[in-house]
């Protein structure tokens, strides 16, 4: 709709790249927008530099990340490699090729994280803040928000699939709440926030009130034309089964680390004022992380997270920071 001259789709998963390429080509229609699919990883330094140079990229929307909490919890080294080193490599390439805007798509799970995925996103934010403090041309910023309805790994497609199979619909805890935003609204606000960037900004999207996931499950069952089976309604169609919180999972997500907030020209986009690591601290963290990745050392990976992420704690433990 914004009529860019060219959209580069930089993705390491072939099925995902194929799907988004086909979807966008259908949307483009007869317009002059060029779609260029690139199969590759942000951890590939040579390819990242080559792609940015060849296509003279103006804006990077960096959403590439391993983001499924339980999977990253079991594959912590790869999660940190992709989410932190990949961010660093792409940011360095953007700076080298004089990309005008670099927007990191972050997560509410980066706030006082209880899992490696959230901690990796917080460290990626700190890396981008470090680049912003030293950048002479590229404007680096971050946008932090919660769950996007219908996105990859979202609870909504999972519930739909479980309902279609006749249940049960699985819920980790009766009290779990999450922030939700529609795909269209999230995309629009990310683009707007990027245009507001001054450099080093942490933008937080107003996600409204958190949703009780149990209520969402009940609504989806009813909207599908079924009834909930429970103690009071033993003849209902579909049961909601409580499975217990997964490793690293929170009952409630947050969007802010500190209390300081500033407004922007859009009422649903706020600018957070949060602590940064020094240039030396970031360099030390990245040096240690490279050694951890080379040695595939899971214990050292968790030690690194505990050392550098303020507020990180394993679920049920006291704060570490």
Protein backbone atom coordinates (compact mmCIF):
# COMPACT_ATOMS: atom_id res chain seq x y z
CA UNK A 1 0.00 0.00 0.00
CA UNK A 2 2.96 2.33 0.64
CA UNK A 3 4.25 1.57 -2.89
CA UNK A 4 7.90 0.76 -2.12
CA UNK A 5 10.04 0.25 -5.22
CA UNK A 6 11.24 -3.11 -3.95
CA UNK A 7 10.58 -5.50 -1.05
CA UNK A 8 13.32 -7.98 -0.13
CA UNK A 9 12.19 -11.08 1.76
CA UNK A 10 15.22 -12.39 3.65
CA UNK A 11 14.33 -15.74 5.23
CA UNK A 12 16.18 -18.95 6.13
CA UNK A 13 13.16 -21.26 6.03
CA UNK A 14 12.29 -22.28 2.47
CA UNK A 15 8.58 -23.10 3.16
CA UNK A 16 8.05 -19.78 4.95
CA UNK A 17 9.85 -17.86 2.20
CA UNK A 18 7.75 -19.56 -0.48
CA UNK A 19 4.50 -18.71 1.36
CA UNK A 20 5.24 -15.01 1.94
CA UNK A 21 6.60 -14.63 -1.60
CA UNK A 22 3.40 -16.07 -3.09
CA UNK A 23 1.17 -14.05 -0.75
CA UNK A 24 2.86 -10.73 -1.50
CA UNK A 25 2.95 -11.32 -5.27
CA UNK A 26 -0.82 -11.80 -5.16
CA UNK A 27 -1.20 -8.53 -3.25
CA UNK A 28 1.13 -6.61 -5.57
CA UNK A 29 -0.99 -7.41 -8.63
CA UNK A 30 -0.29 -5.02 -11.49
CA UNK A 31 1.62 -2.46 -9.42
CA UNK A 32 5.31 -1.77 -9.97
CA UNK A 33 6.44 -3.14 -6.57
CA UNK A 34 9.25 -5.65 -7.10
CA UNK A 35 9.33 -8.69 -4.78
CA UNK A 36 12.74 -10.35 -4.29
CA UNK A 37 12.92 -13.55 -2.19
CA UNK A 38 16.35 -14.27 -0.68
CA UNK A 39 16.98 -17.64 0.95
CA UNK A 40 19.50 -17.14 3.73
CA UNK A 41 20.22 -16.40 7.37
CA UNK A 42 21.04 -13.14 9.14
CA UNK A 43 23.92 -15.07 10.71
CA UNK A 44 25.55 -15.21 7.25
CA UNK A 45 27.75 -12.10 7.25
CA UNK A 46 28.85 -12.30 3.60
CA UNK A 47 25.32 -12.81 2.28
CA UNK A 48 23.90 -10.01 4.46
CA UNK A 49 26.48 -7.55 3.13
CA UNK A 50 26.00 -8.70 -0.45
CA UNK A 51 22.20 -8.40 -0.35
CA UNK A 52 22.22 -4.93 1.20
CA UNK A 53 24.85 -3.68 -1.26
CA UNK A 54 23.29 -5.21 -4.37
CA UNK A 55 19.79 -3.91 -3.69
CA UNK A 56 20.71 -0.60 -2.02
CA UNK A 57 18.34 -1.20 0.89
CA UNK A 58 16.89 1.86 2.63
CA UNK A 59 14.93 0.24 5.48
CA UNK A 60 15.43 -3.00 7.42
CA UNK A 61 12.58 -4.45 9.49
CA UNK A 62 14.47 -7.09 11.46
CA UNK A 63 12.02 -9.74 12.69
CA UNK A 64 14.30 -12.76 12.15
CA UNK A 65 14.40 -14.70 15.41
CA UNK A 66 13.83 -18.05 17.02
CA UNK A 67 10.83 -17.09 19.14
CA UNK A 68 9.09 -20.21 20.46
CA UNK A 69 9.77 -20.19 24.20
CA UNK A 70 9.88 -23.97 24.90
CA UNK A 71 12.02 -24.73 21.82
CA UNK A 72 14.59 -22.02 22.60
CA UNK A 73 14.59 -23.14 26.24
CA UNK A 74 15.78 -26.56 25.04
CA UNK A 75 18.14 -25.12 22.38
CA UNK A 76 19.59 -22.16 24.21
CA UNK A 77 22.89 -21.88 22.31
CA UNK A 78 21.21 -21.76 18.90
CA UNK A 79 18.62 -19.33 20.24
CA UNK A 80 21.31 -16.93 21.44
CA UNK A 81 23.37 -17.37 18.25
CA UNK A 82 20.48 -16.56 15.93
CA UNK A 83 18.77 -13.87 17.99
CA UNK A 84 21.82 -11.97 19.27
CA UNK A 85 24.71 -12.66 16.90
CA UNK A 86 22.34 -12.58 13.91
CA UNK A 87 21.12 -9.15 15.03
CA UNK A 88 24.68 -7.94 15.47
CA UNK A 89 25.77 -9.21 12.03
CA UNK A 90 22.82 -7.63 10.25
CA UNK A 91 23.21 -4.33 12.14
CA UNK A 92 26.89 -4.21 11.27
CA UNK A 93 26.08 -4.87 7.61
CA UNK A 94 23.41 -2.16 7.66
CA UNK A 95 25.88 0.34 9.05
CA UNK A 96 28.53 -0.63 6.49
CA UNK A 97 26.06 -0.18 3.61
CA UNK A 98 24.57 3.09 4.94
CA UNK A 99 21.04 1.73 5.38
CA UNK A 100 18.88 4.66 6.52
CA UNK A 101 16.60 2.90 9.04
CA UNK A 102 17.03 -0.32 11.02
CA UNK A 103 14.04 -1.41 13.13
CA UNK A 104 14.40 -4.38 15.47
CA UNK A 105 11.13 -6.18 16.16
CA UNK A 106 11.36 -7.09 19.84
CA UNK A 107 8.97 -8.73 22.30
CA UNK A 108 7.20 -8.18 25.61
CA UNK A 109 9.07 -11.31 26.70
CA UNK A 110 12.26 -9.20 26.76
CA UNK A 111 10.99 -7.46 29.90
CA UNK A 112 12.28 -9.15 33.08
CA UNK A 113 12.50 -12.42 31.14
CA UNK A 114 12.00 -15.84 32.70
CA UNK A 115 13.17 -17.68 29.60
CA UNK A 116 16.16 -17.74 27.26
CA UNK A 117 14.10 -16.52 24.29
CA UNK A 118 13.04 -13.35 26.13
CA UNK A 119 16.57 -12.82 27.42
CA UNK A 120 17.95 -13.17 23.90
CA UNK A 121 15.56 -10.46 22.67
CA UNK A 122 16.61 -8.16 25.52
CA UNK A 123 20.28 -8.68 24.63
CA UNK A 124 19.44 -8.00 20.98
CA UNK A 125 17.86 -4.71 22.11
CA UNK A 126 21.03 -3.82 24.02
CA UNK A 127 23.15 -4.59 20.94
CA UNK A 128 21.00 -2.28 18.82
CA UNK A 129 21.12 0.46 21.45
CA UNK A 130 24.91 0.20 21.35
CA UNK A 131 24.94 0.55 17.54
CA UNK A 132 22.60 3.55 17.81
CA UNK A 133 24.93 5.34 20.23
CA UNK A 134 27.79 5.17 17.71
CA UNK A 135 26.00 5.34 14.36
CA UNK A 136 26.68 8.35 12.12
CA UNK A 137 24.12 7.55 9.43
CA UNK A 138 21.90 4.54 10.13
CA UNK A 139 19.04 5.27 12.52
CA UNK A 140 18.60 2.26 14.80
CA UNK A 141 15.42 1.69 16.83
CA UNK A 142 13.35 -1.09 18.42
CA UNK A 143 9.62 -1.80 18.64
CA UNK A 144 8.44 -3.98 21.52
CA UNK A 145 4.98 -5.56 21.60
CA UNK A 146 3.09 -8.71 22.54
CA UNK A 147 1.38 -11.47 20.57
CA UNK A 148 0.10 -10.95 17.04
CA UNK A 149 -3.11 -12.79 16.27
CA UNK A 150 -2.61 -15.46 13.63
CA UNK A 151 1.18 -15.12 13.48
CA UNK A 152 3.53 -18.11 13.42
CA UNK A 153 3.23 -19.96 16.72
CA UNK A 154 0.24 -17.90 17.88
CA UNK A 155 -2.18 -19.58 20.25
CA UNK A 156 -5.13 -18.83 17.93
CA UNK A 157 -4.16 -21.21 15.06
CA UNK A 158 -3.29 -23.83 17.69
CA UNK A 159 -6.72 -23.53 19.33
CA UNK A 160 -8.41 -23.64 15.92
CA UNK A 161 -6.59 -26.85 15.05
CA UNK A 162 -7.44 -28.43 18.42
CA UNK A 163 -11.12 -27.46 18.09
CA UNK A 164 -11.25 -28.89 14.56
CA UNK A 165 -9.94 -32.21 15.96
CA UNK A 166 -12.64 -32.24 18.63
CA UNK A 167 -10.37 -31.13 21.46
CA UNK A 168 -9.15 -30.97 24.03
CA UNK A 169 -8.05 -27.34 23.86
CA UNK A 170 -4.85 -27.21 25.93
CA UNK A 171 -4.15 -24.36 28.34
CA UNK A 172 -1.03 -24.13 30.51
CA UNK A 173 -2.74 -22.35 33.44
CA UNK A 174 -6.19 -20.95 34.21
CA UNK A 175 -4.70 -17.53 35.07
CA UNK A 176 -2.45 -17.04 32.03
CA UNK A 177 -2.95 -13.67 30.30
CA UNK A 178 -1.35 -12.26 27.16
CA UNK A 179 -1.41 -9.03 25.16
CA UNK A 180 -2.78 -9.37 21.62
CA UNK A 181 -2.81 -7.21 18.52
CA UNK A 182 -4.03 -7.87 14.99
CA UNK A 183 -1.50 -8.47 12.24
CA UNK A 184 -2.57 -5.38 10.29
CA UNK A 185 -2.44 -3.10 13.34
CA UNK A 186 0.98 -4.41 14.38
CA UNK A 187 2.42 -3.90 10.87
CA UNK A 188 1.04 -0.36 10.60
CA UNK A 189 2.33 0.67 14.03
CA UNK A 190 5.78 -0.83 13.40
CA UNK A 191 6.12 1.21 10.20
CA UNK A 192 4.92 4.35 11.95
CA UNK A 193 7.23 3.85 14.92
CA UNK A 194 10.19 3.44 12.59
CA UNK A 195 9.41 6.81 11.04
CA UNK A 196 9.47 8.43 14.51
CA UNK A 197 12.94 7.08 15.32
CA UNK A 198 15.65 9.48 16.46
CA UNK A 199 18.19 6.74 17.18
CA UNK A 200 18.30 4.20 20.00
CA UNK A 201 14.56 4.48 20.62
CA UNK A 202 12.69 1.69 22.39
CA UNK A 203 9.11 2.02 21.18
CA UNK A 204 6.35 0.22 23.06
CA UNK A 205 3.01 -0.37 21.38
CA UNK A 206 -0.15 0.10 23.41
CA UNK A 207 -1.61 -3.41 23.37
CA UNK A 208 -4.73 -2.51 25.34
CA UNK A 209 -5.80 -4.77 28.19
CA UNK A 210 -4.31 -8.26 28.55
CA UNK A 211 -6.57 -11.13 27.52
CA UNK A 212 -7.28 -14.10 29.80
CA UNK A 213 -6.34 -17.05 27.56
CA UNK A 214 -8.97 -19.29 29.17
CA UNK A 215 -11.66 -16.78 28.14
CA UNK A 216 -10.20 -16.72 24.62
CA UNK A 217 -10.37 -20.52 24.43
CA UNK A 218 -14.02 -20.56 25.56
CA UNK A 219 -14.95 -17.85 23.03
CA UNK A 220 -13.26 -19.71 20.18
CA UNK A 221 -15.06 -22.94 21.09
CA UNK A 222 -18.43 -21.14 21.14
CA UNK A 223 -17.71 -19.26 17.88
CA UNK A 224 -16.92 -22.59 16.21
CA UNK A 225 -20.43 -23.75 17.12
CA UNK A 226 -19.51 -26.02 20.02
CA UNK A 227 -20.02 -26.00 23.78
CA UNK A 228 -17.41 -26.34 26.53
CA UNK A 229 -17.33 -29.61 28.44
CA UNK A 230 -16.54 -29.15 32.15
CA UNK A 231 -17.78 -30.23 35.59
CA UNK A 232 -20.94 -28.12 35.29
CA UNK A 233 -21.55 -29.18 31.68
CA UNK A 234 -20.48 -32.83 31.35
CA UNK A 235 -22.35 -33.17 28.06
CA UNK A 236 -20.43 -30.35 26.38
CA UNK A 237 -18.52 -30.90 23.14
CA UNK A 238 -14.93 -29.81 23.81
CA UNK A 239 -12.87 -29.89 27.00
CA UNK A 240 -10.32 -27.28 28.09
CA UNK A 241 -7.37 -29.21 29.55
CA UNK A 242 -4.87 -27.56 31.93
CA UNK A 243 -1.36 -28.85 31.20
CA UNK A 244 0.81 -26.73 33.54
CA UNK A 245 3.20 -23.88 32.78
CA UNK A 246 6.04 -24.83 30.45
CA UNK A 247 9.70 -24.16 31.38
CA UNK A 248 10.36 -20.42 31.22
CA UNK A 249 6.70 -19.45 30.73
CA UNK A 250 5.16 -16.51 32.61
CA UNK A 251 1.61 -16.15 33.84
CA UNK A 252 1.63 -12.45 32.92
CA UNK A 253 3.70 -10.58 30.33
CA UNK A 254 4.97 -7.00 30.72
CA UNK A 255 5.89 -4.31 28.22
CA UNK A 256 8.08 -1.98 30.32
CA UNK A 257 11.27 -2.45 32.30
CA UNK A 258 11.36 1.06 33.77
CA UNK A 259 8.60 3.54 34.56
CA UNK A 260 9.73 6.42 32.33
CA UNK A 261 7.61 6.87 29.20
CA UNK A 262 7.35 9.56 26.54
CA UNK A 263 4.59 10.14 24.04
CA UNK A 264 5.00 10.16 20.26
CA UNK A 265 2.80 11.65 17.50
CA UNK A 266 0.66 8.47 17.64
CA UNK A 267 -1.36 7.67 20.80
CA UNK A 268 -0.70 3.91 20.56
CA UNK A 269 3.09 4.29 20.25
CA UNK A 270 5.10 5.21 23.36
CA UNK A 271 8.84 5.76 23.77
CA UNK A 272 10.47 3.99 26.72
CA UNK A 273 13.53 5.28 28.58
CA UNK A 274 15.61 2.29 29.64
CA UNK A 275 19.12 1.40 30.77
CA UNK A 276 21.88 0.48 28.33
CA UNK A 277 25.14 -1.43 28.52
CA UNK A 278 28.37 0.41 27.76
CA UNK A 279 30.23 -0.21 24.51
CA UNK A 280 32.84 -2.25 26.40
CA UNK A 281 30.17 -4.32 28.14
CA UNK A 282 28.42 -5.13 24.86
CA UNK A 283 31.75 -6.07 23.24
CA UNK A 284 32.60 -8.34 26.18
CA UNK A 285 29.19 -10.00 26.09
CA UNK A 286 29.45 -10.67 22.33
CA UNK A 287 33.02 -12.02 22.67
CA UNK A 288 31.89 -14.43 25.40
CA UNK A 289 28.86 -15.45 23.32
CA UNK A 290 31.01 -16.36 20.31
CA UNK A 291 33.08 -18.69 22.50
CA UNK A 292 29.88 -20.26 23.87
CA UNK A 293 28.54 -20.81 20.34
CA UNK A 294 31.83 -22.31 19.15
CA UNK A 295 31.80 -24.75 22.08
CA UNK A 296 28.00 -25.32 22.03
CA UNK A 297 28.08 -24.78 25.82
CA UNK A 298 24.51 -24.67 27.17
CA UNK A 299 25.56 -24.08 30.79
CA UNK A 300 27.76 -21.14 29.80
CA UNK A 301 24.90 -19.79 27.66
CA UNK A 302 22.62 -19.61 30.70
CA UNK A 303 25.40 -18.10 32.80
CA UNK A 304 25.86 -15.37 30.18
CA UNK A 305 22.15 -14.56 30.28
CA UNK A 306 22.17 -14.37 34.10
CA UNK A 307 25.19 -12.05 33.98
CA UNK A 308 24.02 -9.53 31.38
CA UNK A 309 20.22 -9.42 31.47
CA UNK A 310 18.98 -7.32 34.35
CA UNK A 311 15.88 -8.82 35.93
CA UNK A 312 16.37 -12.25 34.34
CA UNK A 313 15.13 -15.05 36.54
CA UNK A 314 14.15 -18.64 36.10
CA UNK A 315 10.41 -19.09 36.75
CA UNK A 316 9.79 -19.22 40.48
CA UNK A 317 13.26 -17.92 41.42
CA UNK A 318 14.19 -14.55 42.86
CA UNK A 319 15.30 -11.79 40.51
CA UNK A 320 18.82 -12.01 39.15
CA UNK A 321 20.41 -8.86 37.80
